[in-house]
C-alpha atoms as a PDB file:
ATOM      1  CA  UNK A   1       0.000   0.000   0.000  1.00  0.00           C
ATOM      2  CA  UNK A   2       1.213   3.455  -0.888  1.00  0.00           C
ATOM      3  CA  UNK A   3       2.083   5.749   2.023  1.00  0.00           C
ATOM      4  CA  UNK A   4       0.128   8.858   1.145  1.00  0.00           C
ATOM      5  CA  UNK A   5      -1.614  11.262   3.463  1.00  0.00           C
ATOM      6  CA  UNK A   6      -4.987   9.948   2.285  1.00  0.00           C
ATOM      7  CA  UNK A   7      -4.206   6.277   2.889  1.00  0.00           C
ATOM      8  CA  UNK A   8      -2.506   6.947   6.235  1.00  0.00           C
ATOM      9  CA  UNK A   9      -5.375   9.108   7.477  1.00  0.00           C
ATOM     10  CA  UNK A  10      -8.037   6.646   6.353  1.00  0.00           C
ATOM     11  CA  UNK A  11      -6.153   3.770   7.931  1.00  0.00           C
ATOM     12  CA  UNK A  12      -5.708   5.603  11.252  1.00  0.00           C
ATOM     13  CA  UNK A  13      -9.356   6.677  11.385  1.00  0.00           C
ATOM     14  CA  UNK A  14     -10.404   3.077  10.807  1.00  0.00           C
ATOM     15  CA  UNK A  15      -7.872   1.740  13.337  1.00  0.00           C
ATOM     16  CA  UNK A  16      -9.096   4.127  16.050  1.00  0.00           C
ATOM     17  CA  UNK A  17     -12.751   3.841  15.098  1.00  0.00           C
ATOM     18  CA  UNK A  18     -13.016   7.595  14.627  1.00  0.00           C
ATOM     19  CA  UNK A  19     -15.467   9.059  12.117  1.00  0.00           C
ATOM     20  CA  UNK A  20     -14.832  12.110   9.976  1.00  0.00           C
ATOM     21  CA  UNK A  21     -17.580  13.872  11.932  1.00  0.00           C
ATOM     22  CA  UNK A  22     -15.795  13.115  15.233  1.00  0.00           C
ATOM     23  CA  UNK A  23     -12.462  14.231  13.806  1.00  0.00           C
ATOM     24  CA  UNK A  24     -14.106  17.457  12.674  1.00  0.00           C
ATOM     25  CA  UNK A  25     -15.337  18.112  16.202  1.00  0.00           C
ATOM     26  CA  UNK A  26     -11.872  17.429  17.654  1.00  0.00           C
ATOM     27  CA  UNK A  27      -9.969  19.584  15.149  1.00  0.00           C
ATOM     28  CA  UNK A  28     -12.392  22.368  14.303  1.00  0.00           C
ATOM     29  CA  UNK A  29     -11.883  21.559  10.624  1.00  0.00           C
ATOM     30  CA  UNK A  30     -15.229  21.439   8.789  1.00  0.00           C
ATOM     31  CA  UNK A  31     -16.425  17.928   7.912  1.00  0.00           C
ATOM     32  CA  UNK A  32     -16.669  18.615   4.128  1.00  0.00           C
ATOM     33  CA  UNK A  33     -13.026  19.710   4.102  1.00  0.00           C
ATOM     34  CA  UNK A  34     -11.903  16.589   5.979  1.00  0.00           C
ATOM     35  CA  UNK A  35     -13.883  14.460   3.535  1.00  0.00           C
ATOM     36  CA  UNK A  36     -11.775  15.943   0.726  1.00  0.00           C
ATOM     37  CA  UNK A  37      -8.695  14.539   2.468  1.00  0.00           C
ATOM     38  CA  UNK A  38     -10.025  10.985   2.789  1.00  0.00           C
ATOM     39  CA  UNK A  39     -12.023  10.443  -0.390  1.00  0.00           C
ATOM     40  CA  UNK A  40     -10.955   9.868  -3.970  1.00  0.00           C
ATOM     41  CA  UNK A  41     -10.294  13.567  -4.528  1.00  0.00           C
ATOM     42  CA  UNK A  42      -7.405  13.145  -2.075  1.00  0.00           C
ATOM     43  CA  UNK A  43      -6.735  16.834  -1.562  1.00  0.00           C
ATOM     44  CA  UNK A  44      -3.576  17.423   0.472  1.00  0.00           C
ATOM     45  CA  UNK A  45      -4.188  19.736   3.420  1.00  0.00           C
ATOM     46  CA  UNK A  46      -2.017  22.670   4.426  1.00  0.00           C
ATOM     47  CA  UNK A  47       0.539  22.026   7.155  1.00  0.00           C
ATOM     48  CA  UNK A  48      -1.460  23.665   9.950  1.00  0.00           C
ATOM     49  CA  UNK A  49      -4.363  21.294   9.322  1.00  0.00           C
ATOM     50  CA  UNK A  50      -2.092  18.253   9.214  1.00  0.00           C
ATOM     51  CA  UNK A  51      -0.793  19.296  12.646  1.00  0.00           C
ATOM     52  CA  UNK A  52      -4.353  19.591  13.996  1.00  0.00           C
ATOM     53  CA  UNK A  53      -5.335  16.197  12.605  1.00  0.00           C
ATOM     54  CA  UNK A  54      -2.210  14.504  13.960  1.00  0.00           C
ATOM     55  CA  UNK A  55      -2.755  16.018  17.412  1.00  0.00           C
ATOM     56  CA  UNK A  56      -6.401  14.941  17.494  1.00  0.00           C
ATOM     57  CA  UNK A  57      -5.436  11.373  16.568  1.00  0.00           C
ATOM     58  CA  UNK A  58      -2.382  11.248  18.833  1.00  0.00           C
ATOM     59  CA  UNK A  59       0.044  10.466  16.012  1.00  0.00           C
ATOM     60  CA  UNK A  60       2.942  12.354  14.457  1.00  0.00           C
ATOM     61  CA  UNK A  61       2.713  14.528  11.380  1.00  0.00           C
ATOM     62  CA  UNK A  62       5.447  12.355   9.870  1.00  0.00           C
ATOM     63  CA  UNK A  63       3.219   9.314  10.221  1.00  0.00           C
ATOM     64  CA  UNK A  64       0.302  10.942   8.413  1.00  0.00           C
ATOM     65  CA  UNK A  65       2.466  12.358   5.653  1.00  0.00           C
ATOM     66  CA  UNK A  66       5.001   9.562   5.125  1.00  0.00           C
ATOM     67  CA  UNK A  67       3.827   6.562   7.138  1.00  0.00           C
ATOM     68  CA  UNK A  68       6.818   6.660   9.514  1.00  0.00           C
ATOM     69  CA  UNK A  69       7.209   7.196  13.276  1.00  0.00           C
ATOM     70  CA  UNK A  70       3.626   6.874  14.398  1.00  0.00           C
ATOM     71  CA  UNK A  71       4.203   8.073  17.976  1.00  0.00           C
ATOM     72  CA  UNK A  72       6.483  10.696  19.474  1.00  0.00           C
ATOM     73  CA  UNK A  73       7.681   8.356  22.215  1.00  0.00           C
ATOM     74  CA  UNK A  74       8.917   4.776  22.039  1.00  0.00           C
ATOM     75  CA  UNK A  75       6.316   3.730  24.607  1.00  0.00           C
ATOM     76  CA  UNK A  76       3.580   4.510  22.086  1.00  0.00           C
ATOM     77  CA  UNK A  77       2.301   7.578  23.892  1.00  0.00           C
ATOM     78  CA  UNK A  78       1.982  10.961  22.292  1.00  0.00           C
ATOM     79  CA  UNK A  79       2.568  14.032  24.454  1.00  0.00           C
ATOM     80  CA  UNK A  80      -0.253  16.234  23.198  1.00  0.00           C
ATOM     81  CA  UNK A  81       1.118  19.219  25.112  1.00  0.00           C
ATOM     82  CA  UNK A  82       3.682  19.504  22.315  1.00  0.00           C
ATOM     83  CA  UNK A  83       0.907  20.110  19.770  1.00  0.00           C
ATOM     84  CA  UNK A  84      -0.482  23.623  19.816  1.00  0.00           C
ATOM     85  CA  UNK A  85      -2.198  25.865  17.350  1.00  0.00           C
ATOM     86  CA  UNK A  86      -3.988  29.172  17.314  1.00  0.00           C
ATOM     87  CA  UNK A  87      -7.659  29.157  16.431  1.00  0.00           C
ATOM     88  CA  UNK A  88      -7.654  32.851  15.582  1.00  0.00           C
END
């Protein structure tokens, strides 16, 4: 399987049992925009949105983008305090 943002995001959503609607609520990114990232249109999001999505799912940006280093720590835990963004 190809390691693209779309395939990695879809796979992680399925693995965690998270819906696009739930991810929208967690990230503040509108559901129709998130659907563009996971469907056949496979739009690539801007970096700030990738950071929001990764933080909401507890995975690294590198994992979503390239399929590598899923967690920030070897113990499989992600320190979400490292992930911040401005909603302004």
